[in-house]
Amino acid sequence: LPALKPTPARLLPALAHAAHHHRLTFLQSPDLLELLSGCLHTGDMAEIVSAARAVWALAANNHRAKLVLRSAGITSAVQSTMQRLQKHSNDVSTQRALELLTYIQTVLQTT
């Protein structure tokens, strides 16, 4: 999946949707997990929100998925993204993204 590395932001919502319906495929793909992590680390607001939604779809009510996501470094990606966004938390879209990331962090930490 190297062709997915420079994924345009417009494809990330579709990936988030696919994550919900094709959870096993995502969890078994280091490239897709790296893509989500990379979008969280360096993406713009739209990419961060879409990647966060994909993580949420993967982790929701699935202990195995949470373990895979943790081992893939998604938890640390969420934390570093939250720290980055908190520096610029004066607009509504950033506040909403921070709320989503906070919820995802809680989901990933629960067993």
PDB file of N, CA and C in Angstrom:
ATOM      1  N   LEU A   1       0.789  -1.208   0.000  1.00  0.00           N
ATOM      2  CA  LEU A   1       0.000   0.000   0.000  1.00  0.00           C
ATOM      3  C   LEU A   1       0.835   1.278   0.000  1.00  0.00           C
ATOM      4  N   PRO A   2       2.058   1.250  -0.472  1.00  0.00           N
ATOM      5  CA  PRO A   2       2.855   2.471  -0.484  1.00  0.00           C
ATOM      6  C   PRO A   2       2.193   3.608  -1.245  1.00  0.00           C
ATOM      7  N   ALA A   3       1.338   3.306  -2.190  1.00  0.00           N
ATOM      8  CA  ALA A   3       0.664   4.359  -2.948  1.00  0.00           C
ATOM      9  C   ALA A   3      -0.265   5.179  -2.051  1.00  0.00           C
ATOM     10  N   LEU A   4      -0.642   4.633  -0.899  1.00  0.00           N
ATOM     11  CA  LEU A   4      -1.534   5.347   0.011  1.00  0.00           C
ATOM     12  C   LEU A   4      -0.799   6.340   0.903  1.00  0.00           C
ATOM     13  N   LYS A   5       0.508   6.311   0.936  1.00  0.00           N
ATOM     14  CA  LYS A   5       1.261   7.161   1.855  1.00  0.00           C
ATOM     15  C   LYS A   5       0.868   8.634   1.749  1.00  0.00           C
ATOM     16  N   PRO A   6       0.895   9.245   0.565  1.00  0.00           N
ATOM     17  CA  PRO A   6       0.496  10.648   0.493  1.00  0.00           C
ATOM     18  C   PRO A   6      -1.007  10.791   0.265  1.00  0.00           C
ATOM     19  N   THR A   7      -1.792  10.153   1.097  1.00  0.00           N
ATOM     20  CA  THR A   7      -3.234  10.129   0.927  1.00  0.00           C
ATOM     21  C   THR A   7      -3.830  11.521   1.017  1.00  0.00           C
ATOM     22  N   PRO A   8      -4.568  11.904  -0.002  1.00  0.00           N
ATOM     23  CA  PRO A   8      -5.253  13.196   0.070  1.00  0.00           C
ATOM     24  C   PRO A   8      -6.298  13.182   1.181  1.00  0.00           C
ATOM     25  N   ALA A   9      -6.493  14.317   1.780  1.00  0.00           N
ATOM     26  CA  ALA A   9      -7.441  14.420   2.886  1.00  0.00           C
ATOM     27  C   ALA A   9      -8.834  13.970   2.482  1.00  0.00           C
ATOM     28  N   ARG A  10      -9.178  14.109   1.219  1.00  0.00           N
ATOM     29  CA  ARG A  10     -10.530  13.740   0.793  1.00  0.00           C
ATOM     30  C   ARG A  10     -10.776  12.231   0.848  1.00  0.00           C
ATOM     31  N   LEU A  11      -9.723  11.415   0.893  1.00  0.00           N
ATOM     32  CA  LEU A  11      -9.895   9.966   0.986  1.00  0.00           C
ATOM     33  C   LEU A  11     -10.003   9.474   2.426  1.00  0.00           C
ATOM     34  N   LEU A  12      -9.552  10.250   3.377  1.00  0.00           N
ATOM     35  CA  LEU A  12      -9.558   9.797   4.761  1.00  0.00           C
ATOM     36  C   LEU A  12     -10.953   9.527   5.319  1.00  0.00           C
ATOM     37  N   PRO A  13     -11.987  10.310   4.998  1.00  0.00           N
ATOM     38  CA  PRO A  13     -13.318   9.942   5.488  1.00  0.00           C
ATOM     39  C   PRO A  13     -13.760   8.562   4.992  1.00  0.00           C
ATOM     40  N   ALA A  14     -13.421   8.233   3.760  1.00  0.00           N
ATOM     41  CA  ALA A  14     -13.756   6.902   3.238  1.00  0.00           C
ATOM     42  C   ALA A  14     -12.983   5.823   3.985  1.00  0.00           C
ATOM     43  N   LEU A  15     -11.735   6.103   4.324  1.00  0.00           N
ATOM     44  CA  LEU A  15     -10.955   5.145   5.108  1.00  0.00           C
ATOM     45  C   LEU A  15     -11.548   4.971   6.501  1.00  0.00           C
ATOM     46  N   ALA A  16     -12.028   6.054   7.084  1.00  0.00           N
ATOM     47  CA  ALA A  16     -12.662   5.958   8.396  1.00  0.00           C
ATOM     48  C   ALA A  16     -13.909   5.083   8.327  1.00  0.00           C
ATOM     49  N   HIS A  17     -14.687   5.252   7.272  1.00  0.00           N
ATOM     50  CA  HIS A  17     -15.880   4.427   7.078  1.00  0.00           C
ATOM     51  C   HIS A  17     -15.484   2.968   6.856  1.00  0.00           C
ATOM     52  N   ALA A  18     -14.469   2.749   6.039  1.00  0.00           N
ATOM     53  CA  ALA A  18     -14.011   1.385   5.759  1.00  0.00           C
ATOM     54  C   ALA A  18     -13.461   0.718   7.013  1.00  0.00           C
ATOM     55  N   ALA A  19     -12.851   1.493   7.896  1.00  0.00           N
ATOM     56  CA  ALA A  19     -12.303   0.929   9.126  1.00  0.00           C
ATOM     57  C   ALA A  19     -13.394   0.252   9.943  1.00  0.00           C
ATOM     58  N   HIS A  20     -14.566   0.844   9.936  1.00  0.00           N
ATOM     59  CA  HIS A  20     -15.681   0.269  10.688  1.00  0.00           C
ATOM     60  C   HIS A  20     -16.147  -1.048  10.075  1.00  0.00           C
ATOM     61  N   HIS A  21     -16.202  -1.107   8.761  1.00  0.00           N
ATOM     62  CA  HIS A  21     -16.749  -2.276   8.082  1.00  0.00           C
ATOM     63  C   HIS A  21     -15.710  -3.335   7.744  1.00  0.00           C
ATOM     64  N   HIS A  22     -14.446  -2.970   7.774  1.00  0.00           N
ATOM     65  CA  HIS A  22     -13.370  -3.912   7.439  1.00  0.00           C
ATOM     66  C   HIS A  22     -12.289  -3.854   8.510  1.00  0.00           C
ATOM     67  N   ARG A  23     -12.705  -4.009   9.748  1.00  0.00           N
ATOM     68  CA  ARG A  23     -11.821  -3.870  10.903  1.00  0.00           C
ATOM     69  C   ARG A  23     -10.618  -4.801  10.817  1.00  0.00           C
ATOM     70  N   LEU A  24     -10.845  -6.066  10.496  1.00  0.00           N
ATOM     71  CA  LEU A  24      -9.756  -7.039  10.456  1.00  0.00           C
ATOM     72  C   LEU A  24      -8.689  -6.645   9.440  1.00  0.00           C
ATOM     73  N   THR A  25      -9.115  -6.173   8.277  1.00  0.00           N
ATOM     74  CA  THR A  25      -8.167  -5.739   7.246  1.00  0.00           C
ATOM     75  C   THR A  25      -7.290  -4.610   7.767  1.00  0.00           C
ATOM     76  N   PHE A  26      -7.885  -3.645   8.418  1.00  0.00           N
ATOM     77  CA  PHE A  26      -7.116  -2.528   8.970  1.00  0.00           C
ATOM     78  C   PHE A  26      -6.146  -3.005  10.041  1.00  0.00           C
ATOM     79  N   LEU A  27      -6.631  -3.849  10.927  1.00  0.00           N
ATOM     80  CA  LEU A  27      -5.793  -4.287  12.039  1.00  0.00           C
ATOM     81  C   LEU A  27      -4.618  -5.140  11.581  1.00  0.00           C
ATOM     82  N   GLN A  28      -4.739  -5.777  10.428  1.00  0.00           N
ATOM     83  CA  GLN A  28      -3.664  -6.622   9.913  1.00  0.00           C
ATOM     84  C   GLN A  28      -2.756  -5.881   8.942  1.00  0.00           C
ATOM     85  N   SER A  29      -3.005  -4.613   8.723  1.00  0.00           N
ATOM     86  CA  SER A  29      -2.222  -3.850   7.757  1.00  0.00           C
ATOM     87  C   SER A  29      -1.346  -2.803   8.446  1.00  0.00           C
ATOM     88  N   PRO A  30      -0.050  -3.084   8.561  1.00  0.00           N
ATOM     89  CA  PRO A  30       0.842  -2.088   9.157  1.00  0.00           C
ATOM     90  C   PRO A  30       0.833  -0.764   8.384  1.00  0.00           C
ATOM     91  N   ASP A  31       0.651  -0.836   7.068  1.00  0.00           N
ATOM     92  CA  ASP A  31       0.631   0.387   6.259  1.00  0.00           C
ATOM     93  C   ASP A  31      -0.563   1.275   6.605  1.00  0.00           C
ATOM     94  N   LEU A  32      -1.730   0.667   6.781  1.00  0.00           N
ATOM     95  CA  LEU A  32      -2.914   1.460   7.130  1.00  0.00           C
ATOM     96  C   LEU A  32      -2.799   2.033   8.542  1.00  0.00           C
ATOM     97  N   LEU A  33      -2.269   1.234   9.464  1.00  0.00           N
ATOM     98  CA  LEU A  33      -2.083   1.732  10.827  1.00  0.00           C
ATOM     99  C   LEU A  33      -1.057   2.863  10.852  1.00  0.00           C
ATOM    100  N   GLU A  34      -0.005   2.723  10.061  1.00  0.00           N
ATOM    101  CA  GLU A  34       1.002   3.787   9.963  1.00  0.00           C
ATOM    102  C   GLU A  34       0.407   5.046   9.335  1.00  0.00           C
ATOM    103  N   LEU A  35      -0.461   4.853   8.359  1.00  0.00           N
ATOM    104  CA  LEU A  35      -1.133   5.993   7.732  1.00  0.00           C
ATOM    105  C   LEU A  35      -1.964   6.761   8.758  1.00  0.00           C
ATOM    106  N   LEU A  36      -2.730   6.029   9.572  1.00  0.00           N
ATOM    107  CA  LEU A  36      -3.539   6.686  10.600  1.00  0.00           C
ATOM    108  C   LEU A  36      -2.649   7.433  11.589  1.00  0.00           C
ATOM    109  N   SER A  37      -1.584   6.780  12.025  1.00  0.00           N
ATOM    110  CA  SER A  37      -0.661   7.409  12.961  1.00  0.00           C
ATOM    111  C   SER A  37      -0.025   8.654  12.349  1.00  0.00           C
ATOM    112  N   GLY A  38       0.399   8.546  11.109  1.00  0.00           N
ATOM    113  CA  GLY A  38       1.016   9.683  10.429  1.00  0.00           C
ATOM    114  C   GLY A  38       0.066  10.853  10.268  1.00  0.00           C
ATOM    115  N   CYS A  39      -1.190  10.559   9.946  1.00  0.00           N
ATOM    116  CA  CYS A  39      -2.184  11.633   9.805  1.00  0.00           C
ATOM    117  C   CYS A  39      -2.441  12.316  11.143  1.00  0.00           C
ATOM    118  N   LEU A  40      -2.431  11.535  12.210  1.00  0.00           N
ATOM    119  CA  LEU A  40      -2.597  12.139  13.529  1.00  0.00           C
ATOM    120  C   LEU A  40      -1.401  13.022  13.872  1.00  0.00           C
ATOM    121  N   HIS A  41      -0.201  12.535  13.595  1.00  0.00           N
ATOM    122  CA  HIS A  41       1.018  13.280  13.946  1.00  0.00           C
ATOM    123  C   HIS A  41       1.188  14.563  13.143  1.00  0.00           C
ATOM    124  N   THR A  42       0.948  14.495  11.839  1.00  0.00           N
ATOM    125  CA  THR A  42       1.337  15.623  10.983  1.00  0.00           C
ATOM    126  C   THR A  42       0.208  16.197  10.135  1.00  0.00           C
ATOM    127  N   GLY A  43      -0.990  15.639  10.250  1.00  0.00           N
ATOM    128  CA  GLY A  43      -2.077  16.071   9.383  1.00  0.00           C
ATOM    129  C   GLY A  43      -2.663  17.417   9.746  1.00  0.00           C
ATOM    130  N   ASP A  44      -3.421  17.953   8.780  1.00  0.00           N
ATOM    131  CA  ASP A  44      -4.178  19.168   9.067  1.00  0.00           C
ATOM    132  C   ASP A  44      -5.436  18.765   9.840  1.00  0.00           C
ATOM    133  N   MET A  45      -6.270  19.716  10.158  1.00  0.00           N
ATOM    134  CA  MET A  45      -7.426  19.439  11.009  1.00  0.00           C
ATOM    135  C   MET A  45      -8.353  18.384  10.405  1.00  0.00           C
ATOM    136  N   ALA A  46      -8.628  18.460   9.113  1.00  0.00           N
ATOM    137  CA  ALA A  46      -9.511  17.484   8.468  1.00  0.00           C
ATOM    138  C   ALA A  46      -8.904  16.086   8.522  1.00  0.00           C
ATOM    139  N   GLU A  47      -7.610  15.979   8.291  1.00  0.00           N
ATOM    140  CA  GLU A  47      -6.942  14.675   8.334  1.00  0.00           C
ATOM    141  C   GLU A  47      -6.935  14.115   9.749  1.00  0.00           C
ATOM    142  N   ILE A  48      -6.694  14.967  10.725  1.00  0.00           N
ATOM    143  CA  ILE A  48      -6.692  14.523  12.120  1.00  0.00           C
ATOM    144  C   ILE A  48      -8.058  13.977  12.507  1.00  0.00           C
ATOM    145  N   VAL A  49      -9.104  14.706  12.177  1.00  0.00           N
ATOM    146  CA  VAL A  49     -10.460  14.279  12.541  1.00  0.00           C
ATOM    147  C   VAL A  49     -10.823  12.974  11.835  1.00  0.00           C
ATOM    148  N   SER A  50     -10.499  12.853  10.564  1.00  0.00           N
ATOM    149  CA  SER A  50     -10.812  11.619   9.836  1.00  0.00           C
ATOM    150  C   SER A  50     -10.023  10.435  10.379  1.00  0.00           C
ATOM    151  N   ALA A  51      -8.748  10.636  10.660  1.00  0.00           N
ATOM    152  CA  ALA A  51      -7.937   9.556  11.229  1.00  0.00           C
ATOM    153  C   ALA A  51      -8.464   9.177  12.611  1.00  0.00           C
ATOM    154  N   ALA A  52      -8.851  10.169  13.398  1.00  0.00           N
ATOM    155  CA  ALA A  52      -9.399   9.898  14.724  1.00  0.00           C
ATOM    156  C   ALA A  52     -10.702   9.110  14.628  1.00  0.00           C
ATOM    157  N   ARG A  53     -11.531   9.445  13.665  1.00  0.00           N
ATOM    158  CA  ARG A  53     -12.780   8.689  13.476  1.00  0.00           C
ATOM    159  C   ARG A  53     -12.498   7.245  13.080  1.00  0.00           C
ATOM    160  N   ALA A  54     -11.474   7.036  12.267  1.00  0.00           N
ATOM    161  CA  ALA A  54     -11.107   5.674  11.886  1.00  0.00           C
ATOM    162  C   ALA A  54     -10.627   4.898  13.109  1.00  0.00           C
ATOM    163  N   VAL A  55      -9.815   5.527  13.943  1.00  0.00           N
ATOM    164  CA  VAL A  55      -9.340   4.870  15.170  1.00  0.00           C
ATOM    165  C   VAL A  55     -10.524   4.531  16.063  1.00  0.00           C
ATOM    166  N   TRP A  56     -11.449   5.451  16.186  1.00  0.00           N
ATOM    167  CA  TRP A  56     -12.637   5.227  16.999  1.00  0.00           C
ATOM    168  C   TRP A  56     -13.427   4.036  16.456  1.00  0.00           C
ATOM    169  N   ALA A  57     -13.619   3.995  15.148  1.00  0.00           N
ATOM    170  CA  ALA A  57     -14.358   2.889  14.531  1.00  0.00           C
ATOM    171  C   ALA A  57     -13.663   1.555  14.770  1.00  0.00           C
ATOM    172  N   LEU A  58     -12.352   1.554  14.739  1.00  0.00           N
ATOM    173  CA  LEU A  58     -11.607   0.319  14.966  1.00  0.00           C
ATOM    174  C   LEU A  58     -11.670  -0.124  16.422  1.00  0.00           C
ATOM    175  N   ALA A  59     -11.548   0.817  17.335  1.00  0.00           N
ATOM    176  CA  ALA A  59     -11.414   0.487  18.752  1.00  0.00           C
ATOM    177  C   ALA A  59     -12.737   0.231  19.459  1.00  0.00           C
ATOM    178  N   ALA A  60     -13.820   0.753  18.930  1.00  0.00           N
ATOM    179  CA  ALA A  60     -15.110   0.679  19.622  1.00  0.00           C
ATOM    180  C   ALA A  60     -15.508  -0.761  19.927  1.00  0.00           C
ATOM    181  N   ASN A  61     -15.662  -1.036  21.207  1.00  0.00           N
ATOM    182  CA  ASN A  61     -16.147  -2.340  21.681  1.00  0.00           C
ATOM    183  C   ASN A  61     -15.333  -3.517  21.162  1.00  0.00           C
ATOM    184  N   ASN A  62     -14.025  -3.346  21.023  1.00  0.00           N
ATOM    185  CA  ASN A  62     -13.194  -4.434  20.513  1.00  0.00           C
ATOM    186  C   ASN A  62     -11.846  -4.417  21.233  1.00  0.00           C
ATOM    187  N   HIS A  63     -11.713  -5.311  22.200  1.00  0.00           N
ATOM    188  CA  HIS A  63     -10.500  -5.365  23.017  1.00  0.00           C
ATOM    189  C   HIS A  63      -9.266  -5.670  22.176  1.00  0.00           C
ATOM    190  N   ARG A  64      -9.379  -6.619  21.259  1.00  0.00           N
ATOM    191  CA  ARG A  64      -8.239  -6.987  20.413  1.00  0.00           C
ATOM    192  C   ARG A  64      -7.775  -5.791  19.577  1.00  0.00           C
ATOM    193  N   ALA A  65      -8.726  -5.054  19.049  1.00  0.00           N
ATOM    194  CA  ALA A  65      -8.379  -3.875  18.251  1.00  0.00           C
ATOM    195  C   ALA A  65      -7.637  -2.847  19.095  1.00  0.00           C
ATOM    196  N   LYS A  66      -8.076  -2.653  20.325  1.00  0.00           N
ATOM    197  CA  LYS A  66      -7.396  -1.707  21.210  1.00  0.00           C
ATOM    198  C   LYS A  66      -5.951  -2.125  21.439  1.00  0.00           C
ATOM    199  N   LEU A  67      -5.732  -3.421  21.636  1.00  0.00           N
ATOM    200  CA  LEU A  67      -4.368  -3.920  21.835  1.00  0.00           C
ATOM    201  C   LEU A  67      -3.503  -3.679  20.604  1.00  0.00           C
ATOM    202  N   VAL A  68      -4.055  -3.960  19.424  1.00  0.00           N
ATOM    203  CA  VAL A  68      -3.309  -3.757  18.177  1.00  0.00           C
ATOM    204  C   VAL A  68      -3.004  -2.274  17.980  1.00  0.00           C
ATOM    205  N   LEU A  69      -3.987  -1.431  18.220  1.00  0.00           N
ATOM    206  CA  LEU A  69      -3.792   0.013  18.056  1.00  0.00           C
ATOM    207  C   LEU A  69      -2.747   0.548  19.035  1.00  0.00           C
ATOM    208  N   ARG A  70      -2.788   0.073  20.264  1.00  0.00           N
ATOM    209  CA  ARG A  70      -1.778   0.495  21.242  1.00  0.00           C
ATOM    210  C   ARG A  70      -0.386   0.080  20.794  1.00  0.00           C
ATOM    211  N   SER A  71      -0.253  -1.174  20.359  1.00  0.00           N
ATOM    212  CA  SER A  71       1.073  -1.655  19.952  1.00  0.00           C
ATOM    213  C   SER A  71       1.559  -0.973  18.678  1.00  0.00           C
ATOM    214  N   ALA A  72       0.647  -0.434  17.879  1.00  0.00           N
ATOM    215  CA  ALA A  72       1.024   0.283  16.655  1.00  0.00           C
ATOM    216  C   ALA A  72       1.382   1.744  16.938  1.00  0.00           C
ATOM    217  N   GLY A  73       1.306   2.151  18.197  1.00  0.00           N
ATOM    218  CA  GLY A  73       1.680   3.516  18.557  1.00  0.00           C
ATOM    219  C   GLY A  73       0.589   4.554  18.379  1.00  0.00           C
ATOM    220  N   ILE A  74      -0.639   4.095  18.203  1.00  0.00           N
ATOM    221  CA  ILE A  74      -1.741   5.036  17.988  1.00  0.00           C
ATOM    222  C   ILE A  74      -2.020   5.862  19.249  1.00  0.00           C
ATOM    223  N   THR A  75      -1.890   5.246  20.420  1.00  0.00           N
ATOM    224  CA  THR A  75      -2.136   5.985  21.658  1.00  0.00           C
ATOM    225  C   THR A  75      -1.175   7.160  21.793  1.00  0.00           C
ATOM    226  N   SER A  76       0.097   6.925  21.507  1.00  0.00           N
ATOM    227  CA  SER A  76       1.064   8.029  21.600  1.00  0.00           C
ATOM    228  C   SER A  76       0.818   9.068  20.507  1.00  0.00           C
ATOM    229  N   ALA A  77       0.344   8.626  19.340  1.00  0.00           N
ATOM    230  CA  ALA A  77       0.009   9.578  18.272  1.00  0.00           C
ATOM    231  C   ALA A  77      -1.147  10.473  18.708  1.00  0.00           C
ATOM    232  N   VAL A  78      -2.144   9.877  19.359  1.00  0.00           N
ATOM    233  CA  VAL A  78      -3.279  10.657  19.862  1.00  0.00           C
ATOM    234  C   VAL A  78      -2.798  11.670  20.896  1.00  0.00           C
ATOM    235  N   GLN A  79      -1.942  11.223  21.816  1.00  0.00           N
ATOM    236  CA  GLN A  79      -1.444  12.120  22.862  1.00  0.00           C
ATOM    237  C   GLN A  79      -0.632  13.279  22.282  1.00  0.00           C
ATOM    238  N   SER A  80       0.256  12.977  21.347  1.00  0.00           N
ATOM    239  CA  SER A  80       1.077  14.055  20.786  1.00  0.00           C
ATOM    240  C   SER A  80       0.231  15.021  19.949  1.00  0.00           C
ATOM    241  N   THR A  81      -0.790  14.491  19.289  1.00  0.00           N
ATOM    242  CA  THR A  81      -1.685  15.357  18.521  1.00  0.00           C
ATOM    243  C   THR A  81      -2.464  16.276  19.454  1.00  0.00           C
ATOM    244  N   MET A  82      -2.910  15.733  20.573  1.00  0.00           N
ATOM    245  CA  MET A  82      -3.613  16.561  21.552  1.00  0.00           C
ATOM    246  C   MET A  82      -2.708  17.683  22.059  1.00  0.00           C
ATOM    247  N   GLN A  83      -1.460  17.366  22.340  1.00  0.00           N
ATOM    248  CA  GLN A  83      -0.522  18.390  22.812  1.00  0.00           C
ATOM    249  C   GLN A  83      -0.312  19.464  21.750  1.00  0.00           C
ATOM    250  N   ARG A  84      -0.190  19.022  20.502  1.00  0.00           N
ATOM    251  CA  ARG A  84       0.011  19.977  19.402  1.00  0.00           C
ATOM    252  C   ARG A  84      -1.204  20.895  19.254  1.00  0.00           C
ATOM    253  N   LEU A  85      -2.409  20.308  19.309  1.00  0.00           N
ATOM    254  CA  LEU A  85      -3.623  21.106  19.126  1.00  0.00           C
ATOM    255  C   LEU A  85      -3.901  22.032  20.305  1.00  0.00           C
ATOM    256  N   GLN A  86      -3.492  21.631  21.498  1.00  0.00           N
ATOM    257  CA  GLN A  86      -3.746  22.469  22.673  1.00  0.00           C
ATOM    258  C   GLN A  86      -3.020  23.806  22.588  1.00  0.00           C
ATOM    259  N   LYS A  87      -1.966  23.857  21.798  1.00  0.00           N
ATOM    260  CA  LYS A  87      -1.243  25.122  21.612  1.00  0.00           C
ATOM    261  C   LYS A  87      -2.058  26.115  20.782  1.00  0.00           C
ATOM    262  N   HIS A  88      -3.023  25.588  20.018  1.00  0.00           N
ATOM    263  CA  HIS A  88      -3.834  26.421  19.119  1.00  0.00           C
ATOM    264  C   HIS A  88      -5.320  26.179  19.374  1.00  0.00           C
ATOM    265  N   SER A  89      -5.689  26.090  20.625  1.00  0.00           N
ATOM    266  CA  SER A  89      -7.047  25.653  20.962  1.00  0.00           C
ATOM    267  C   SER A  89      -8.063  26.781  21.033  1.00  0.00           C
ATOM    268  N   ASN A  90      -7.819  27.878  20.324  1.00  0.00           N
ATOM    269  CA  ASN A  90      -8.729  29.011  20.443  1.00  0.00           C
ATOM    270  C   ASN A  90      -9.903  28.987  19.470  1.00  0.00           C
ATOM    271  N   ASP A  91      -9.940  28.055  18.509  1.00  0.00           N
ATOM    272  CA  ASP A  91     -11.094  28.031  17.605  1.00  0.00           C
ATOM    273  C   ASP A  91     -11.965  26.797  17.861  1.00  0.00           C
ATOM    274  N   VAL A  92     -13.180  26.875  17.382  1.00  0.00           N
ATOM    275  CA  VAL A  92     -14.185  25.846  17.651  1.00  0.00           C
ATOM    276  C   VAL A  92     -13.794  24.496  17.049  1.00  0.00           C
ATOM    277  N   SER A  93     -13.268  24.482  15.830  1.00  0.00           N
ATOM    278  CA  SER A  93     -12.914  23.208  15.195  1.00  0.00           C
ATOM    279  C   SER A  93     -11.795  22.507  15.954  1.00  0.00           C
ATOM    280  N   THR A  94     -10.864  23.260  16.482  1.00  0.00           N
ATOM    281  CA  THR A  94      -9.785  22.665  17.279  1.00  0.00           C
ATOM    282  C   THR A  94     -10.346  22.107  18.577  1.00  0.00           C
ATOM    283  N   GLN A  95     -11.255  22.828  19.200  1.00  0.00           N
ATOM    284  CA  GLN A  95     -11.879  22.346  20.435  1.00  0.00           C
ATOM    285  C   GLN A  95     -12.634  21.040  20.192  1.00  0.00           C
ATOM    286  N   ARG A  96     -13.354  20.958  19.084  1.00  0.00           N
ATOM    287  CA  ARG A  96     -14.088  19.726  18.758  1.00  0.00           C
ATOM    288  C   ARG A  96     -13.130  18.574  18.506  1.00  0.00           C
ATOM    289  N   ALA A  97     -12.045  18.847  17.801  1.00  0.00           N
ATOM    290  CA  ALA A  97     -11.048  17.807  17.544  1.00  0.00           C
ATOM    291  C   ALA A  97     -10.433  17.326  18.856  1.00  0.00           C
ATOM    292  N   LEU A  98     -10.155  18.246  19.758  1.00  0.00           N
ATOM    293  CA  LEU A  98      -9.606  17.868  21.062  1.00  0.00           C
ATOM    294  C   LEU A  98     -10.589  17.019  21.861  1.00  0.00           C
ATOM    295  N   GLU A  99     -11.867  17.338  21.788  1.00  0.00           N
ATOM    296  CA  GLU A  99     -12.882  16.528  22.467  1.00  0.00           C
ATOM    297  C   GLU A  99     -12.903  15.111  21.901  1.00  0.00           C
ATOM    298  N   LEU A 100     -12.853  14.997  20.581  1.00  0.00           N
ATOM    299  CA  LEU A 100     -12.838  13.690  19.931  1.00  0.00           C
ATOM    300  C   LEU A 100     -11.593  12.905  20.334  1.00  0.00           C
ATOM    301  N   LEU A 101     -10.445  13.546  20.306  1.00  0.00           N
ATOM    302  CA  LEU A 101      -9.195  12.876  20.672  1.00  0.00           C
ATOM    303  C   LEU A 101      -9.182  12.463  22.139  1.00  0.00           C
ATOM    304  N   THR A 102      -9.751  13.288  23.004  1.00  0.00           N
ATOM    305  CA  THR A 102      -9.838  12.939  24.424  1.00  0.00           C
ATOM    306  C   THR A 102     -10.703  11.702  24.610  1.00  0.00           C
ATOM    307  N   TYR A 103     -11.814  11.651  23.910  1.00  0.00           N
ATOM    308  CA  TYR A 103     -12.681  10.480  23.984  1.00  0.00           C
ATOM    309  C   TYR A 103     -11.950   9.239  23.472  1.00  0.00           C
ATOM    310  N   ILE A 104     -11.252   9.370  22.357  1.00  0.00           N
ATOM    311  CA  ILE A 104     -10.524   8.235  21.785  1.00  0.00           C
ATOM    312  C   ILE A 104      -9.432   7.766  22.736  1.00  0.00           C
ATOM    313  N   GLN A 105      -8.752   8.697  23.370  1.00  0.00           N
ATOM    314  CA  GLN A 105      -7.727   8.326  24.339  1.00  0.00           C
ATOM    315  C   GLN A 105      -8.343   7.500  25.467  1.00  0.00           C
ATOM    316  N   THR A 106      -9.513   7.905  25.932  1.00  0.00           N
ATOM    317  CA  THR A 106     -10.217   7.155  26.975  1.00  0.00           C
ATOM    318  C   THR A 106     -10.602   5.770  26.480  1.00  0.00           C
ATOM    319  N   VAL A 107     -11.121   5.681  25.270  1.00  0.00           N
ATOM    320  CA  VAL A 107     -11.514   4.388  24.694  1.00  0.00           C
ATOM    321  C   VAL A 107     -10.308   3.462  24.591  1.00  0.00           C
ATOM    322  N   LEU A 108      -9.182   3.983  24.128  1.00  0.00           N
ATOM    323  CA  LEU A 108      -7.987   3.153  23.966  1.00  0.00           C
ATOM    324  C   LEU A 108      -7.425   2.683  25.305  1.00  0.00           C
ATOM    325  N   GLN A 109      -7.638   3.448  26.358  1.00  0.00           N
ATOM    326  CA  GLN A 109      -7.099   3.081  27.665  1.00  0.00           C
ATOM    327  C   GLN A 109      -7.972   2.079  28.400  1.00  0.00           C
ATOM    328  N   THR A 110      -9.242   2.007  28.063  1.00  0.00           N
ATOM    329  CA  THR A 110     -10.130   1.068  28.747  1.00  0.00           C
ATOM    330  C   THR A 110      -9.999  -0.315  28.122  1.00  0.00           C
ATOM    331  N   THR A 111     -10.221  -1.319  28.951  1.00  0.00           N
ATOM    332  CA  THR A 111     -10.111  -2.697  28.444  1.00  0.00           C
ATOM    333  C   THR A 111     -11.450  -3.325  28.228  1.00  0.00           C
TER     334      THR A 111
END
